Amino acid sequence: MKKILVPTDFSPEAENALKVAAQIAKKFDSEIFLLHMLDLPLDLIDPAQPKGTGDLPEAIFFMKLAHQRFNKIMRKDYLKGITVHETVEFHEAFDGIMEISKKHDCDVIIMGSSGADGLREIFIGSNTEKVVRHSNIPVLVIKKEIPLFEVKKFVFATDLDPETINTFKNAIDFAHKLETTIELVMVNTASKFKTTDEIDDKLKTYTKDIDNADYHFSVYNDVNVETGILNYAKKINADLIGISTHGRQGIAHFINGSLSEDLVNHAKRPIVTFKI
């Protein structure tokens, strides 16, 4: 993890993510790309637009304001000794995050989130949800301040579908970098109940190409998958929850939903997602 992208809106949640990124950067001698998106009307930043250059000073004002905030953050003790690249872009937040992560070939995105529920979750959503859904690199979502980000127990949730084998391999690689092992868990529910023999067969197929990986497999019974993952993580006092994400869009996303986005919204623990 040599290049870490941290989007920021200068909120407490974003700073919580930056503090975790700083800890990881010190451990791996990584660079941090600290990104702030200025979502301004196009006519403020493009002289070719009908209003011309008359509103350009307003865009410059917001640029200077962002720079001042960057300077304030850069004076924080937890960033001392770390290479931090100040990046301000004129984009809608989600598009900018995706573009910058590709431009700099980042290894991981670390984002803050306060979560959402009820109608706000359904109708508004968040940029974090969009990034989780679409990012081709791992996304680590941080909810609260973590003075010492040390992962001793890493839960990776699976349904043992062969489609997610590569994400499990990515999770193993992520765990190896964090010097931890994986607690691989399958949640068994009444609506999609699997017998022990069925689970054993699926596990054999799922792990047949996994060599020398350090993991422990468990089956946890609960009313639904999301609740099961959260309850299992609580039971073993997990430091991190990992899950695959499909990247569904449009009507498919509306109908099928997204377990990864639900966990991002509802879990209090850090979540890391891996795109299938």
Protein backbone atom coordinates (compact mmCIF):
# COMPACT_ATOMS: atom_id res chain seq x y z
CA MET A 1 0.00 0.00 0.00
CA LYS A 2 2.34 2.66 -1.30
CA LYS A 3 -0.26 5.16 -2.54
CA ILE A 4 -3.28 6.01 -0.39
CA LEU A 5 -6.13 8.24 -1.57
CA VAL A 6 -8.01 10.09 1.16
CA PRO A 7 -10.96 12.22 -0.02
CA THR A 8 -11.79 15.00 2.42
CA ASP A 9 -14.48 17.58 3.01
CA PHE A 10 -12.58 18.69 6.13
CA SER A 11 -15.24 17.14 8.38
CA PRO A 12 -14.41 15.25 11.61
CA GLU A 13 -15.29 11.97 9.84
CA ALA A 14 -12.85 12.74 7.02
CA GLU A 15 -10.12 13.53 9.55
CA ASN A 16 -10.76 10.22 11.31
CA ALA A 17 -10.03 8.52 7.98
CA LEU A 18 -6.91 10.64 7.46
CA LYS A 19 -5.58 9.66 10.90
CA VAL A 20 -5.93 5.96 10.00
CA ALA A 21 -4.30 6.62 6.61
CA ALA A 22 -1.40 8.31 8.41
CA GLN A 23 -0.86 5.26 10.61
CA ILE A 24 -0.84 2.97 7.59
CA ALA A 25 1.44 5.36 5.66
CA LYS A 26 4.01 5.35 8.45
CA LYS A 27 3.96 1.56 8.58
CA PHE A 28 4.38 1.07 4.82
CA ASP A 29 6.26 4.27 3.95
CA SER A 30 3.30 5.31 1.80
CA GLU A 31 2.33 8.55 0.11
CA ILE A 32 -1.05 10.12 0.83
CA PHE A 33 -3.06 11.90 -1.83
CA LEU A 34 -5.38 14.15 0.14
CA LEU A 35 -8.20 15.09 -2.20
CA HIS A 36 -10.80 17.84 -1.89
CA MET A 37 -13.43 18.20 -4.57
CA LEU A 38 -14.85 21.63 -5.42
CA ASP A 39 -18.25 20.96 -6.96
CA LEU A 40 -18.83 24.38 -8.53
CA PRO A 41 -21.07 25.44 -11.42
CA LEU A 42 -19.17 25.05 -14.70
CA ASP A 43 -19.53 28.72 -15.63
CA LEU A 44 -17.45 29.67 -12.56
CA ILE A 45 -14.40 27.72 -13.69
CA ASP A 46 -14.60 27.65 -17.50
CA PRO A 47 -14.15 30.99 -19.29
CA ALA A 48 -15.63 29.44 -22.44
CA GLN A 49 -19.02 29.25 -20.76
CA PRO A 50 -21.60 32.00 -21.52
CA LYS A 51 -20.88 34.03 -18.38
CA GLY A 52 -17.24 34.30 -19.32
CA THR A 53 -14.55 35.12 -16.78
CA GLY A 54 -16.66 37.39 -14.63
CA ASP A 55 -17.20 34.72 -11.97
CA LEU A 56 -13.64 33.31 -12.01
CA PRO A 57 -12.64 35.21 -8.82
CA GLU A 58 -15.30 33.26 -6.92
CA ALA A 59 -13.71 29.97 -8.01
CA ILE A 60 -10.30 31.31 -6.97
CA PHE A 61 -11.75 32.21 -3.57
CA PHE A 62 -12.88 28.64 -2.98
CA MET A 63 -9.50 27.33 -4.14
CA LYS A 64 -7.70 29.58 -1.65
CA LEU A 65 -10.09 28.54 1.11
CA ALA A 66 -9.39 24.89 0.42
CA HIS A 67 -5.65 25.59 0.41
CA GLN A 68 -5.92 27.27 3.82
CA ARG A 69 -7.68 24.23 5.20
CA PHE A 70 -5.02 21.97 3.72
CA ASN A 71 -2.31 24.06 5.39
CA LYS A 72 -4.08 23.71 8.73
CA ILE A 73 -4.30 19.93 8.37
CA MET A 74 -0.67 19.64 7.26
CA ARG A 75 0.43 21.13 10.59
CA LYS A 76 -1.13 18.20 12.47
CA ASP A 77 1.39 16.14 14.43
CA TYR A 78 0.08 12.83 13.08
CA LEU A 79 1.17 13.78 9.53
CA LYS A 80 4.78 14.59 10.40
CA GLY A 81 7.25 12.68 8.27
CA ILE A 82 4.62 11.59 5.72
CA THR A 83 4.57 12.70 2.08
CA VAL A 84 1.13 14.25 1.56
CA HIS A 85 0.07 15.57 -1.83
CA GLU A 86 -2.46 18.39 -1.71
CA THR A 87 -5.02 17.80 -4.46
CA VAL A 88 -7.93 20.09 -5.24
CA GLU A 89 -10.10 19.28 -8.24
CA PHE A 90 -13.19 20.80 -9.85
CA HIS A 91 -15.44 17.76 -10.12
CA GLU A 92 -18.49 16.18 -8.66
CA ALA A 93 -17.05 14.32 -5.69
CA PHE A 94 -17.63 10.75 -6.85
CA ASP A 95 -16.29 11.33 -10.38
CA GLY A 96 -13.24 13.09 -9.02
CA ILE A 97 -12.40 10.35 -6.56
CA MET A 98 -12.56 7.71 -9.28
CA GLU A 99 -10.46 9.79 -11.68
CA ILE A 100 -7.74 10.66 -9.17
CA SER A 101 -7.46 7.08 -7.89
CA LYS A 102 -6.76 5.93 -11.46
CA LYS A 103 -4.49 8.88 -12.34
CA HIS A 104 -2.12 8.20 -9.44
CA ASP A 105 -2.52 4.40 -9.49
CA CYS A 106 -3.57 4.34 -5.85
CA ASP A 107 -3.61 1.07 -3.92
CA VAL A 108 -6.43 1.86 -1.51
CA ILE A 109 -9.03 4.54 -0.81
CA ILE A 110 -9.61 5.45 2.83
CA MET A 111 -12.82 7.40 3.48
CA GLY A 112 -14.73 8.67 6.46
CA SER A 113 -18.45 8.12 6.85
CA SER A 114 -21.08 9.00 9.42
CA GLY A 115 -23.50 6.44 7.96
CA ALA A 116 -27.14 6.97 7.05
CA ASP A 117 -30.40 5.26 7.69
CA GLY A 118 -34.12 5.47 7.05
CA LEU A 119 -35.35 7.71 4.23
CA ARG A 120 -32.09 9.62 4.09
CA GLU A 121 -30.26 6.42 3.22
CA ILE A 122 -32.74 5.52 0.48
CA PHE A 123 -33.11 8.90 -1.24
CA ILE A 124 -29.84 10.70 -0.61
CA GLY A 125 -27.17 8.08 -0.21
CA SER A 126 -23.56 9.24 -0.03
CA ASN A 127 -20.40 9.53 -2.05
CA THR A 128 -18.92 6.84 0.16
CA GLU A 129 -21.64 4.42 -0.96
CA LYS A 130 -20.95 5.23 -4.62
CA VAL A 131 -17.21 4.75 -4.20
CA VAL A 132 -17.75 1.44 -2.37
CA ARG A 133 -20.00 0.28 -5.21
CA HIS A 134 -17.70 1.20 -8.10
CA SER A 135 -14.08 1.31 -6.94
CA ASN A 136 -11.77 -1.26 -8.50
CA ILE A 137 -9.35 -0.94 -5.58
CA PRO A 138 -10.10 -1.69 -1.91
CA VAL A 139 -12.07 0.96 -0.03
CA LEU A 140 -11.52 1.24 3.72
CA VAL A 141 -14.37 3.09 5.45
CA ILE A 142 -13.74 4.62 8.87
CA LYS A 143 -16.60 5.71 11.14
CA LYS A 144 -14.95 6.99 14.31
CA GLU A 145 -11.55 8.08 15.56
CA ILE A 146 -9.18 5.14 15.99
CA PRO A 147 -6.10 6.16 18.01
CA LEU A 148 -4.37 2.85 17.21
CA PHE A 149 -5.41 1.13 14.00
CA GLU A 150 -4.25 -2.39 14.73
CA VAL A 151 -6.13 -5.25 13.08
CA LYS A 152 -5.93 -8.42 15.13
CA LYS A 153 -9.25 -9.89 13.99
CA PHE A 154 -10.35 -9.40 10.39
CA VAL A 155 -13.77 -10.83 9.48
CA PHE A 156 -14.36 -11.53 5.81
CA ALA A 157 -17.99 -12.36 5.04
CA THR A 158 -18.77 -14.74 2.20
CA ASP A 159 -21.62 -16.74 0.69
CA LEU A 160 -19.01 -19.12 -0.82
CA ASP A 161 -20.12 -18.16 -4.32
CA PRO A 162 -17.28 -18.94 -6.80
CA GLU A 163 -17.85 -15.45 -8.23
CA THR A 164 -16.23 -13.98 -5.11
CA ILE A 165 -13.13 -16.17 -4.94
CA ASN A 166 -10.89 -13.43 -6.37
CA THR A 167 -12.14 -10.95 -3.78
CA PHE A 168 -11.31 -13.47 -1.06
CA LYS A 169 -7.79 -13.70 -2.50
CA ASN A 170 -7.59 -9.90 -2.44
CA ALA A 171 -8.75 -9.94 1.17
CA ILE A 172 -6.03 -12.48 2.02
CA ASP A 173 -3.44 -10.19 0.43
CA PHE A 174 -4.85 -7.22 2.37
CA ALA A 175 -4.72 -9.22 5.62
CA HIS A 176 -1.14 -10.25 4.89
CA LYS A 177 -0.12 -6.62 4.49
CA LEU A 178 -1.78 -5.79 7.81
CA GLU A 179 0.00 -8.78 9.39
CA THR A 180 -3.23 -10.40 10.49
CA THR A 181 -5.32 -13.49 9.76
CA ILE A 182 -8.84 -13.82 8.36
CA GLU A 183 -11.96 -15.03 10.11
CA LEU A 184 -13.93 -16.27 7.09
CA VAL A 185 -17.63 -16.39 7.97
CA MET A 186 -20.74 -17.55 6.16
CA VAL A 187 -24.08 -16.44 7.55
CA ASN A 188 -26.72 -19.18 7.33
CA THR A 189 -30.31 -17.92 7.26
CA ALA A 190 -33.67 -19.66 7.30
CA SER A 191 -34.62 -18.31 3.87
CA LYS A 192 -31.40 -19.59 2.26
CA PHE A 193 -30.56 -22.42 4.62
CA LYS A 194 -27.63 -24.68 3.74
CA THR A 195 -26.92 -28.04 5.34
CA THR A 196 -23.50 -28.86 6.78
CA ASP A 197 -22.73 -31.14 3.83
CA GLU A 198 -23.71 -28.44 1.34
CA ILE A 199 -21.51 -25.88 3.09
CA ASP A 200 -18.58 -28.31 3.25
CA ASP A 201 -18.82 -28.94 -0.50
CA LYS A 202 -19.02 -25.23 -1.30
CA LEU A 203 -16.06 -24.48 0.99
CA LYS A 204 -13.90 -27.09 -0.73
CA THR A 205 -14.62 -25.52 -4.12
CA TYR A 206 -14.14 -22.00 -2.77
CA THR A 207 -10.73 -22.66 -1.21
CA LYS A 208 -9.23 -25.28 -3.54
CA ASP A 209 -6.88 -22.75 -5.17
CA ILE A 210 -6.05 -20.91 -1.96
CA ASP A 211 -2.51 -21.90 -0.97
CA ASN A 212 -0.96 -21.39 2.45
CA ALA A 213 -3.55 -18.81 3.49
CA ASP A 214 -4.02 -18.24 7.19
CA TYR A 215 -7.76 -18.21 7.83
CA HIS A 216 -10.38 -19.81 10.05
CA PHE A 217 -13.86 -20.66 8.74
CA SER A 218 -17.10 -20.34 10.72
CA VAL A 219 -20.82 -20.62 10.03
CA TYR A 220 -23.04 -18.18 11.90
CA ASN A 221 -26.83 -18.54 12.01
CA ASP A 222 -28.97 -15.41 12.06
CA VAL A 223 -32.17 -13.82 10.78
CA ASN A 224 -30.48 -12.17 7.79
CA VAL A 225 -27.00 -11.81 6.36
CA GLU A 226 -26.30 -8.21 7.41
CA THR A 227 -27.38 -8.81 11.00
CA GLY A 228 -25.37 -12.02 11.07
CA ILE A 229 -22.18 -10.31 9.93
CA LEU A 230 -22.57 -7.52 12.47
CA ASN A 231 -23.40 -9.93 15.30
CA TYR A 232 -20.51 -12.26 14.46
CA ALA A 233 -18.09 -9.32 14.31
CA LYS A 234 -19.35 -8.17 17.70
CA LYS A 235 -19.11 -11.69 19.15
CA ILE A 236 -15.42 -12.05 18.32
CA ASN A 237 -14.68 -8.33 18.83
CA ALA A 238 -13.44 -7.88 15.27
CA ASP A 239 -11.29 -4.87 14.35
CA LEU A 240 -12.25 -4.91 10.66
CA ILE A 241 -15.02 -6.32 8.46
CA GLY A 242 -14.37 -7.17 4.82
CA ILE A 243 -16.88 -7.94 2.08
CA SER A 244 -17.20 -8.23 -1.69
CA THR A 245 -19.22 -5.69 -3.65
CA HIS A 246 -20.89 -6.22 -7.03
CA GLY A 247 -20.90 -2.69 -8.39
CA ARG A 248 -24.49 -2.98 -9.56
CA GLN A 249 -26.04 0.08 -11.19
CA GLY A 250 -29.45 1.39 -12.08
CA ILE A 251 -32.48 -0.84 -11.67
CA ALA A 252 -30.36 -3.88 -10.78
CA HIS A 253 -28.97 -2.01 -7.78
CA PHE A 254 -32.43 -0.81 -6.75
CA ILE A 255 -33.92 -4.32 -6.89
CA ASN A 256 -31.02 -6.30 -5.44
CA GLY A 257 -29.68 -3.71 -3.06
CA SER A 258 -26.13 -3.86 -1.81
CA LEU A 259 -25.03 -5.63 1.33
CA SER A 260 -21.71 -3.78 1.28
CA GLU A 261 -23.43 -0.37 1.25
CA ASP A 262 -25.80 -1.44 4.03
CA LEU A 263 -22.81 -2.45 6.15
CA VAL A 264 -21.04 0.82 5.39
CA ASN A 265 -24.11 2.66 6.66
CA HIS A 266 -24.87 0.56 9.71
CA ALA A 267 -21.61 -0.93 11.03
CA LYS A 268 -19.71 0.92 13.74
CA ARG A 269 -16.52 -0.96 12.94
CA PRO A 270 -14.23 -0.19 9.99
CA ILE A 271 -15.31 -1.82 6.71
CA VAL A 272 -13.12 -2.72 3.76
CA THR A 273 -14.70 -3.63 0.41
CA PHE A 274 -13.32 -5.51 -2.59
CA LYS A 275 -15.03 -5.28 -5.96
CA ILE A 276 -15.90 -8.53 -7.72
